[in-house]
């Protein structure tokens, strides 16, 4: 889906400190819409997201939720635009649908954070598998990726309000990027896009234009990506979970410095 479909022109009055003549401009604003996700006719979640790259989003969300293990587990996928938003109708095998029913019982509402609807604290803090992938990434590669990231943020260049998730080779070259109004959605879109393109996520690292909270670390670990770099700072829980699972976490990553969480025994 074209990037332009992720933005809508809105008319604004330009305010100035001197309260002089007011300029009227039309400016692209990022699109945000409810995205209802259904599996085999069962309503699972409603997320607020930018309605572009929805097929990637459907796959990435399904992988992050543990409802599928491979894109081929999705037997059919229909994206339908309604008057109020979008509906993603996903068909999965019977055994996968059982997971949907079990997880749906633990959700009472939903938001873009991916955790707010869970009413079971043990489910939120569920044990995560260790990250088995290992790559060697020099510090210079991290800063090379950060330096190149802006040129890959096409939706943000138009609107100034899109988060980006970028997949990078070990040398820092950006191989793929997805954008969304929500940082969690951008990451799910990237995970889905990589899976759809048969690109091994364990062979590179991810850069996010966001603060690093628990759910972003969880998604990265479940995808078996060995390294996550975030522009803003990480929470204590995100660092703790990353250390437990062996995810290399770099946060507050700027052009001249970054913070690398030390190993638990460091």
C-alpha atoms as a PDB file:
ATOM      1  CA  UNK A   1       0.000   0.000   0.000  1.00  0.00           C
ATOM      2  CA  UNK A   2       1.350   3.421  -0.948  1.00  0.00           C
ATOM      3  CA  UNK A   3       2.863   5.538   1.795  1.00  0.00           C
ATOM      4  CA  UNK A   4       0.559   8.405   0.805  1.00  0.00           C
ATOM      5  CA  UNK A   5      -2.398   6.317   1.994  1.00  0.00           C
ATOM      6  CA  UNK A   6      -0.982   6.541   5.480  1.00  0.00           C
ATOM      7  CA  UNK A   7      -1.508  10.306   5.513  1.00  0.00           C
ATOM      8  CA  UNK A   8      -4.437  12.674   5.033  1.00  0.00           C
ATOM      9  CA  UNK A   9      -4.348  16.420   4.221  1.00  0.00           C
ATOM     10  CA  UNK A  10      -5.749  18.622   6.991  1.00  0.00           C
ATOM     11  CA  UNK A  11      -6.180  22.408   6.909  1.00  0.00           C
ATOM     12  CA  UNK A  12      -4.489  24.377   9.702  1.00  0.00           C
ATOM     13  CA  UNK A  13      -4.139  27.971  10.806  1.00  0.00           C
ATOM     14  CA  UNK A  14      -0.511  28.778  11.577  1.00  0.00           C
ATOM     15  CA  UNK A  15      -0.248  30.543  14.947  1.00  0.00           C
ATOM     16  CA  UNK A  16       2.650  32.900  15.687  1.00  0.00           C
ATOM     17  CA  UNK A  17       3.841  34.555  18.937  1.00  0.00           C
ATOM     18  CA  UNK A  18       3.133  38.090  17.674  1.00  0.00           C
ATOM     19  CA  UNK A  19      -0.505  37.197  16.852  1.00  0.00           C
ATOM     20  CA  UNK A  20      -0.145  38.870  13.497  1.00  0.00           C
ATOM     21  CA  UNK A  21      -1.598  37.712  10.196  1.00  0.00           C
ATOM     22  CA  UNK A  22      -2.592  34.058  10.224  1.00  0.00           C
ATOM     23  CA  UNK A  23      -1.378  31.792   7.444  1.00  0.00           C
ATOM     24  CA  UNK A  24      -3.588  28.928   6.292  1.00  0.00           C
ATOM     25  CA  UNK A  25      -1.837  25.737   5.157  1.00  0.00           C
ATOM     26  CA  UNK A  26      -2.735  22.186   4.164  1.00  0.00           C
ATOM     27  CA  UNK A  27      -0.483  19.663   5.844  1.00  0.00           C
ATOM     28  CA  UNK A  28      -0.364  15.853   5.633  1.00  0.00           C
ATOM     29  CA  UNK A  29      -1.299  14.200   8.942  1.00  0.00           C
ATOM     30  CA  UNK A  30      -0.709  10.536   9.726  1.00  0.00           C
ATOM     31  CA  UNK A  31      -3.750   8.277   9.436  1.00  0.00           C
ATOM     32  CA  UNK A  32      -4.994   6.385  12.483  1.00  0.00           C
ATOM     33  CA  UNK A  33      -7.857   3.912  12.379  1.00  0.00           C
ATOM     34  CA  UNK A  34      -9.325   1.038  14.386  1.00  0.00           C
ATOM     35  CA  UNK A  35      -8.095  -2.298  13.026  1.00  0.00           C
ATOM     36  CA  UNK A  36     -10.304  -5.200  14.120  1.00  0.00           C
ATOM     37  CA  UNK A  37      -8.503  -8.551  13.984  1.00  0.00           C
ATOM     38  CA  UNK A  38     -10.531 -11.752  13.622  1.00  0.00           C
ATOM     39  CA  UNK A  39      -9.385 -15.366  13.498  1.00  0.00           C
ATOM     40  CA  UNK A  40     -11.807 -17.908  12.010  1.00  0.00           C
ATOM     41  CA  UNK A  41     -14.642 -15.500  12.727  1.00  0.00           C
ATOM     42  CA  UNK A  42     -13.601 -14.948  16.368  1.00  0.00           C
ATOM     43  CA  UNK A  43     -13.002 -11.331  17.359  1.00  0.00           C
ATOM     44  CA  UNK A  44      -9.552 -11.200  18.952  1.00  0.00           C
ATOM     45  CA  UNK A  45      -8.415  -7.570  19.247  1.00  0.00           C
ATOM     46  CA  UNK A  46      -9.020  -4.034  18.053  1.00  0.00           C
ATOM     47  CA  UNK A  47      -5.823  -2.058  17.567  1.00  0.00           C
ATOM     48  CA  UNK A  48      -5.313   1.591  16.690  1.00  0.00           C
ATOM     49  CA  UNK A  49      -2.899   1.686  13.772  1.00  0.00           C
ATOM     50  CA  UNK A  50      -1.998   3.332  10.484  1.00  0.00           C
ATOM     51  CA  UNK A  51      -3.851   1.392   7.769  1.00  0.00           C
ATOM     52  CA  UNK A  52      -0.923   0.618   5.483  1.00  0.00           C
ATOM     53  CA  UNK A  53       1.034  -2.653   5.089  1.00  0.00           C
ATOM     54  CA  UNK A  54      -1.885  -4.469   6.711  1.00  0.00           C
ATOM     55  CA  UNK A  55      -0.953  -7.896   5.343  1.00  0.00           C
ATOM     56  CA  UNK A  56       2.477  -7.547   6.947  1.00  0.00           C
ATOM     57  CA  UNK A  57       0.758  -6.393  10.118  1.00  0.00           C
ATOM     58  CA  UNK A  58      -1.577  -9.390  10.171  1.00  0.00           C
ATOM     59  CA  UNK A  59       1.330 -11.817   9.885  1.00  0.00           C
ATOM     60  CA  UNK A  60       3.573  -9.988  12.354  1.00  0.00           C
ATOM     61  CA  UNK A  61       0.818  -9.559  14.932  1.00  0.00           C
ATOM     62  CA  UNK A  62      -0.098 -13.241  14.652  1.00  0.00           C
ATOM     63  CA  UNK A  63       3.535 -14.266  15.123  1.00  0.00           C
ATOM     64  CA  UNK A  64       4.057 -11.913  18.074  1.00  0.00           C
ATOM     65  CA  UNK A  65       0.897 -13.218  19.748  1.00  0.00           C
ATOM     66  CA  UNK A  66       2.089 -16.815  19.338  1.00  0.00           C
ATOM     67  CA  UNK A  67      -0.986 -17.719  17.292  1.00  0.00           C
ATOM     68  CA  UNK A  68       1.078 -18.923  14.334  1.00  0.00           C
ATOM     69  CA  UNK A  69       4.676 -20.035  13.908  1.00  0.00           C
ATOM     70  CA  UNK A  70       5.021 -19.410  10.160  1.00  0.00           C
ATOM     71  CA  UNK A  71       3.203 -17.251   7.582  1.00  0.00           C
ATOM     72  CA  UNK A  72       1.992 -20.458   5.903  1.00  0.00           C
ATOM     73  CA  UNK A  73      -0.153 -21.080   9.001  1.00  0.00           C
ATOM     74  CA  UNK A  74      -2.427 -18.357   7.656  1.00  0.00           C
ATOM     75  CA  UNK A  75      -4.753 -20.134   5.226  1.00  0.00           C
ATOM     76  CA  UNK A  76      -6.533 -16.989   4.066  1.00  0.00           C
ATOM     77  CA  UNK A  77      -6.343 -13.285   4.820  1.00  0.00           C
ATOM     78  CA  UNK A  78      -8.880 -10.646   3.870  1.00  0.00           C
ATOM     79  CA  UNK A  79      -8.516  -6.920   4.567  1.00  0.00           C
ATOM     80  CA  UNK A  80     -11.841  -5.143   4.543  1.00  0.00           C
ATOM     81  CA  UNK A  81     -12.390  -1.414   4.934  1.00  0.00           C
ATOM     82  CA  UNK A  82     -15.608  -0.452   6.680  1.00  0.00           C
ATOM     83  CA  UNK A  83     -17.132   2.910   7.469  1.00  0.00           C
ATOM     84  CA  UNK A  84     -15.632   2.851  10.964  1.00  0.00           C
ATOM     85  CA  UNK A  85     -12.236   1.298  10.276  1.00  0.00           C
ATOM     86  CA  UNK A  86     -10.628  -1.874   8.956  1.00  0.00           C
ATOM     87  CA  UNK A  87     -11.207  -5.571   9.562  1.00  0.00           C
ATOM     88  CA  UNK A  88      -8.502  -8.188   9.157  1.00  0.00           C
ATOM     89  CA  UNK A  89     -10.184 -11.565   8.672  1.00  0.00           C
ATOM     90  CA  UNK A  90      -7.612 -14.313   9.170  1.00  0.00           C
ATOM     91  CA  UNK A  91      -8.182 -18.038   8.665  1.00  0.00           C
ATOM     92  CA  UNK A  92      -5.888 -20.456  10.515  1.00  0.00           C
ATOM     93  CA  UNK A  93      -5.908 -24.245  11.009  1.00  0.00           C
ATOM     94  CA  UNK A  94      -8.085 -25.717  13.746  1.00  0.00           C
ATOM     95  CA  UNK A  95      -5.197 -26.265  16.157  1.00  0.00           C
ATOM     96  CA  UNK A  96      -4.201 -22.596  15.828  1.00  0.00           C
ATOM     97  CA  UNK A  97      -7.792 -21.507  16.358  1.00  0.00           C
ATOM     98  CA  UNK A  98      -7.741 -23.239  19.745  1.00  0.00           C
ATOM     99  CA  UNK A  99      -4.929 -20.878  20.758  1.00  0.00           C
ATOM    100  CA  UNK A 100      -7.059 -17.964  19.612  1.00  0.00           C
ATOM    101  CA  UNK A 101      -9.950 -19.024  21.838  1.00  0.00           C
ATOM    102  CA  UNK A 102      -7.659 -19.511  24.843  1.00  0.00           C
ATOM    103  CA  UNK A 103      -5.978 -16.118  24.443  1.00  0.00           C
ATOM    104  CA  UNK A 104      -9.211 -14.291  23.620  1.00  0.00           C
ATOM    105  CA  UNK A 105     -10.580 -15.282  27.034  1.00  0.00           C
ATOM    106  CA  UNK A 106      -7.726 -13.345  28.654  1.00  0.00           C
ATOM    107  CA  UNK A 107      -8.578 -10.131  26.821  1.00  0.00           C
ATOM    108  CA  UNK A 108     -11.242  -7.761  27.999  1.00  0.00           C
ATOM    109  CA  UNK A 109     -10.217  -4.738  25.912  1.00  0.00           C
ATOM    110  CA  UNK A 110      -7.322  -3.770  23.708  1.00  0.00           C
ATOM    111  CA  UNK A 111      -5.045  -0.915  22.783  1.00  0.00           C
ATOM    112  CA  UNK A 112      -1.928  -0.456  20.708  1.00  0.00           C
ATOM    113  CA  UNK A 113       0.300  -1.498  23.614  1.00  0.00           C
ATOM    114  CA  UNK A 114      -0.648  -5.149  23.156  1.00  0.00           C
ATOM    115  CA  UNK A 115      -0.797  -5.750  26.919  1.00  0.00           C
ATOM    116  CA  UNK A 116      -3.627  -3.614  28.281  1.00  0.00           C
ATOM    117  CA  UNK A 117      -6.307  -6.174  27.525  1.00  0.00           C
ATOM    118  CA  UNK A 118      -4.750  -9.032  29.449  1.00  0.00           C
ATOM    119  CA  UNK A 119      -6.386  -9.670  32.812  1.00  0.00           C
ATOM    120  CA  UNK A 120      -3.908 -12.342  33.873  1.00  0.00           C
ATOM    121  CA  UNK A 121      -0.640 -10.940  35.272  1.00  0.00           C
ATOM    122  CA  UNK A 122       1.068 -14.306  34.883  1.00  0.00           C
ATOM    123  CA  UNK A 123       0.281 -14.178  31.159  1.00  0.00           C
ATOM    124  CA  UNK A 124       1.766 -10.693  30.843  1.00  0.00           C
ATOM    125  CA  UNK A 125       4.928 -11.827  32.624  1.00  0.00           C
ATOM    126  CA  UNK A 126       5.062 -15.243  30.984  1.00  0.00           C
ATOM    127  CA  UNK A 127       8.534 -16.843  30.656  1.00  0.00           C
ATOM    128  CA  UNK A 128      10.168 -16.188  27.315  1.00  0.00           C
ATOM    129  CA  UNK A 129      12.451 -18.518  25.365  1.00  0.00           C
ATOM    130  CA  UNK A 130      16.154 -17.715  25.189  1.00  0.00           C
ATOM    131  CA  UNK A 131      17.397 -15.893  22.115  1.00  0.00           C
ATOM    132  CA  UNK A 132      19.476 -18.520  20.331  1.00  0.00           C
ATOM    133  CA  UNK A 133      20.647 -16.307  17.456  1.00  0.00           C
ATOM    134  CA  UNK A 134      24.037 -14.656  17.767  1.00  0.00           C
ATOM    135  CA  UNK A 135      25.610 -12.018  15.538  1.00  0.00           C
ATOM    136  CA  UNK A 136      28.654  -9.805  15.796  1.00  0.00           C
ATOM    137  CA  UNK A 137      27.746  -6.129  15.495  1.00  0.00           C
ATOM    138  CA  UNK A 138      30.433  -3.478  15.867  1.00  0.00           C
ATOM    139  CA  UNK A 139      29.575  -0.199  17.546  1.00  0.00           C
ATOM    140  CA  UNK A 140      30.217   1.562  14.232  1.00  0.00           C
ATOM    141  CA  UNK A 141      27.464  -0.513  12.597  1.00  0.00           C
ATOM    142  CA  UNK A 142      24.919   0.693  15.157  1.00  0.00           C
ATOM    143  CA  UNK A 143      25.745   4.325  14.442  1.00  0.00           C
ATOM    144  CA  UNK A 144      25.750   3.682  10.685  1.00  0.00           C
ATOM    145  CA  UNK A 145      22.183   2.380  10.950  1.00  0.00           C
ATOM    146  CA  UNK A 146      21.114   5.339  13.090  1.00  0.00           C
ATOM    147  CA  UNK A 147      22.630   7.751  10.594  1.00  0.00           C
ATOM    148  CA  UNK A 148      20.806   6.140   7.650  1.00  0.00           C
ATOM    149  CA  UNK A 149      17.455   5.676   9.383  1.00  0.00           C
ATOM    150  CA  UNK A 150      15.933   9.074   8.605  1.00  0.00           C
ATOM    151  CA  UNK A 151      16.243   8.516   4.859  1.00  0.00           C
ATOM    152  CA  UNK A 152      14.144   5.345   5.218  1.00  0.00           C
ATOM    153  CA  UNK A 153      11.324   7.051   7.157  1.00  0.00           C
ATOM    154  CA  UNK A 154       9.188   8.045   4.185  1.00  0.00           C
ATOM    155  CA  UNK A 155       5.889   8.353   6.077  1.00  0.00           C
ATOM    156  CA  UNK A 156       7.520  10.314   8.876  1.00  0.00           C
ATOM    157  CA  UNK A 157       9.048  12.667   6.320  1.00  0.00           C
ATOM    158  CA  UNK A 158       5.526  13.521   5.157  1.00  0.00           C
ATOM    159  CA  UNK A 159       3.767  13.677   8.517  1.00  0.00           C
ATOM    160  CA  UNK A 160       6.423  14.099  11.209  1.00  0.00           C
ATOM    161  CA  UNK A 161       4.597  11.638  13.471  1.00  0.00           C
ATOM    162  CA  UNK A 162       5.363   8.067  12.385  1.00  0.00           C
ATOM    163  CA  UNK A 163       7.402   5.537  14.316  1.00  0.00           C
ATOM    164  CA  UNK A 164       9.749   3.329  12.317  1.00  0.00           C
ATOM    165  CA  UNK A 165      11.086  -0.180  12.809  1.00  0.00           C
ATOM    166  CA  UNK A 166      14.107  -1.005  10.664  1.00  0.00           C
ATOM    167  CA  UNK A 167      15.865  -4.321  10.086  1.00  0.00           C
ATOM    168  CA  UNK A 168      19.600  -3.990   9.641  1.00  0.00           C
ATOM    169  CA  UNK A 169      22.398  -6.232   8.438  1.00  0.00           C
ATOM    170  CA  UNK A 170      25.282  -6.799  10.890  1.00  0.00           C
ATOM    171  CA  UNK A 171      27.230  -4.020   9.116  1.00  0.00           C
ATOM    172  CA  UNK A 172      24.432  -1.531   9.795  1.00  0.00           C
ATOM    173  CA  UNK A 173      22.916  -1.445   6.304  1.00  0.00           C
ATOM    174  CA  UNK A 174      19.132  -1.006   6.536  1.00  0.00           C
ATOM    175  CA  UNK A 175      17.410  -3.795   4.607  1.00  0.00           C
ATOM    176  CA  UNK A 176      13.740  -3.126   5.380  1.00  0.00           C
ATOM    177  CA  UNK A 177      11.632  -0.562   7.205  1.00  0.00           C
ATOM    178  CA  UNK A 178       7.985  -0.342   8.262  1.00  0.00           C
ATOM    179  CA  UNK A 179       6.199   2.672   9.786  1.00  0.00           C
ATOM    180  CA  UNK A 180       3.089   3.272  11.867  1.00  0.00           C
ATOM    181  CA  UNK A 181       1.608   5.742  14.326  1.00  0.00           C
ATOM    182  CA  UNK A 182       2.252   3.090  16.992  1.00  0.00           C
ATOM    183  CA  UNK A 183       5.730   1.789  17.770  1.00  0.00           C
ATOM    184  CA  UNK A 184       4.376  -1.685  18.562  1.00  0.00           C
ATOM    185  CA  UNK A 185       2.515  -1.791  15.267  1.00  0.00           C
ATOM    186  CA  UNK A 186       5.613  -0.711  13.337  1.00  0.00           C
ATOM    187  CA  UNK A 187       7.539  -3.602  14.890  1.00  0.00           C
ATOM    188  CA  UNK A 188       4.779  -6.116  14.133  1.00  0.00           C
ATOM    189  CA  UNK A 189       4.652  -4.875  10.530  1.00  0.00           C
ATOM    190  CA  UNK A 190       8.414  -5.324  10.211  1.00  0.00           C
ATOM    191  CA  UNK A 191       8.323  -8.828  11.702  1.00  0.00           C
ATOM    192  CA  UNK A 192       5.536  -9.762   9.287  1.00  0.00           C
ATOM    193  CA  UNK A 193       7.262  -8.210   6.290  1.00  0.00           C
ATOM    194  CA  UNK A 194      10.475 -10.107   6.998  1.00  0.00           C
ATOM    195  CA  UNK A 195       8.560 -13.363   7.392  1.00  0.00           C
ATOM    196  CA  UNK A 196       6.646 -12.768   4.159  1.00  0.00           C
ATOM    197  CA  UNK A 197       9.897 -12.045   2.320  1.00  0.00           C
ATOM    198  CA  UNK A 198      11.607 -15.117   3.840  1.00  0.00           C
ATOM    199  CA  UNK A 199      14.328 -12.929   5.379  1.00  0.00           C
ATOM    200  CA  UNK A 200      15.992 -14.456   8.433  1.00  0.00           C
ATOM    201  CA  UNK A 201      15.402 -12.031  11.309  1.00  0.00           C
ATOM    202  CA  UNK A 202      18.037 -13.818  13.380  1.00  0.00           C
ATOM    203  CA  UNK A 203      20.762 -12.685  10.962  1.00  0.00           C
ATOM    204  CA  UNK A 204      20.479  -8.966  11.760  1.00  0.00           C
ATOM    205  CA  UNK A 205      19.250  -6.438  14.293  1.00  0.00           C
ATOM    206  CA  UNK A 206      16.313  -4.062  14.726  1.00  0.00           C
ATOM    207  CA  UNK A 207      16.315  -0.308  15.253  1.00  0.00           C
ATOM    208  CA  UNK A 208      13.189   1.382  16.663  1.00  0.00           C
ATOM    209  CA  UNK A 209      12.367   5.077  16.854  1.00  0.00           C
ATOM    210  CA  UNK A 210      10.810   4.676  20.277  1.00  0.00           C
ATOM    211  CA  UNK A 211      11.399   4.228  23.960  1.00  0.00           C
ATOM    212  CA  UNK A 212      12.012   0.615  24.862  1.00  0.00           C
ATOM    213  CA  UNK A 213       9.317  -0.916  27.043  1.00  0.00           C
ATOM    214  CA  UNK A 214       8.524  -4.509  27.915  1.00  0.00           C
ATOM    215  CA  UNK A 215       6.296  -5.461  24.995  1.00  0.00           C
ATOM    216  CA  UNK A 216       8.848  -4.370  22.386  1.00  0.00           C
ATOM    217  CA  UNK A 217      11.465  -6.554  24.040  1.00  0.00           C
ATOM    218  CA  UNK A 218       8.980  -9.449  24.205  1.00  0.00           C
ATOM    219  CA  UNK A 219       8.186  -9.199  20.490  1.00  0.00           C
ATOM    220  CA  UNK A 220      11.889  -9.074  19.589  1.00  0.00           C
ATOM    221  CA  UNK A 221      12.724 -12.076  21.769  1.00  0.00           C
ATOM    222  CA  UNK A 222       9.838 -14.152  20.406  1.00  0.00           C
ATOM    223  CA  UNK A 223      11.060 -13.357  16.886  1.00  0.00           C
ATOM    224  CA  UNK A 224      14.541 -14.646  17.887  1.00  0.00           C
ATOM    225  CA  UNK A 225      16.251 -11.434  16.823  1.00  0.00           C
ATOM    226  CA  UNK A 226      19.548 -11.129  18.705  1.00  0.00           C
ATOM    227  CA  UNK A 227      19.730  -7.354  19.118  1.00  0.00           C
ATOM    228  CA  UNK A 228      17.388  -4.396  19.602  1.00  0.00           C
ATOM    229  CA  UNK A 229      18.381  -0.734  19.361  1.00  0.00           C
ATOM    230  CA  UNK A 230      15.950   1.999  20.454  1.00  0.00           C
ATOM    231  CA  UNK A 231      16.234   5.755  20.032  1.00  0.00           C
ATOM    232  CA  UNK A 232      14.876   6.529  23.496  1.00  0.00           C
ATOM    233  CA  UNK A 233      15.607   5.009  26.877  1.00  0.00           C
ATOM    234  CA  UNK A 234      14.613   1.548  28.082  1.00  0.00           C
ATOM    235  CA  UNK A 235      12.547   0.743  31.156  1.00  0.00           C
ATOM    236  CA  UNK A 236      13.990  -1.301  33.981  1.00  0.00           C
ATOM    237  CA  UNK A 237      11.627  -4.183  33.205  1.00  0.00           C
ATOM    238  CA  UNK A 238      12.587  -4.174  29.527  1.00  0.00           C
ATOM    239  CA  UNK A 239      16.272  -4.388  30.475  1.00  0.00           C
ATOM    240  CA  UNK A 240      15.623  -7.139  33.005  1.00  0.00           C
ATOM    241  CA  UNK A 241      13.675  -9.311  30.559  1.00  0.00           C
ATOM    242  CA  UNK A 242      16.201  -8.716  27.765  1.00  0.00           C
ATOM    243  CA  UNK A 243      19.022  -9.851  30.052  1.00  0.00           C
ATOM    244  CA  UNK A 244      17.164 -12.963  31.141  1.00  0.00           C
ATOM    245  CA  UNK A 245      16.555 -14.028  27.528  1.00  0.00           C
ATOM    246  CA  UNK A 246      19.950 -13.073  26.142  1.00  0.00           C
ATOM    247  CA  UNK A 247      18.751 -10.197  23.956  1.00  0.00           C
ATOM    248  CA  UNK A 248      21.409  -7.533  23.417  1.00  0.00           C
ATOM    249  CA  UNK A 249      19.685  -4.240  24.167  1.00  0.00           C
ATOM    250  CA  UNK A 250      21.007  -0.813  23.203  1.00  0.00           C
ATOM    251  CA  UNK A 251      18.916   2.226  24.128  1.00  0.00           C
ATOM    252  CA  UNK A 252      19.037   6.017  24.166  1.00  0.00           C
ATOM    253  CA  UNK A 253      20.838   5.586  20.862  1.00  0.00           C
ATOM    254  CA  UNK A 254      21.780   8.942  19.391  1.00  0.00           C
ATOM    255  CA  UNK A 255      24.272  10.083  16.771  1.00  0.00           C
ATOM    256  CA  UNK A 256      27.113  10.425  19.288  1.00  0.00           C
ATOM    257  CA  UNK A 257      26.359   7.856  22.005  1.00  0.00           C
ATOM    258  CA  UNK A 258      24.214   4.945  23.117  1.00  0.00           C
ATOM    259  CA  UNK A 259      23.640   2.886  26.260  1.00  0.00           C
ATOM    260  CA  UNK A 260      24.318  -0.859  26.065  1.00  0.00           C
ATOM    261  CA  UNK A 261      22.747  -2.843  28.897  1.00  0.00           C
ATOM    262  CA  UNK A 262      25.436  -4.878  30.666  1.00  0.00           C
ATOM    263  CA  UNK A 263      25.101  -8.668  31.017  1.00  0.00           C
ATOM    264  CA  UNK A 264      23.495  -9.843  34.245  1.00  0.00           C
ATOM    265  CA  UNK A 265      26.835 -11.114  35.515  1.00  0.00           C
ATOM    266  CA  UNK A 266      28.638  -7.979  34.335  1.00  0.00           C
END
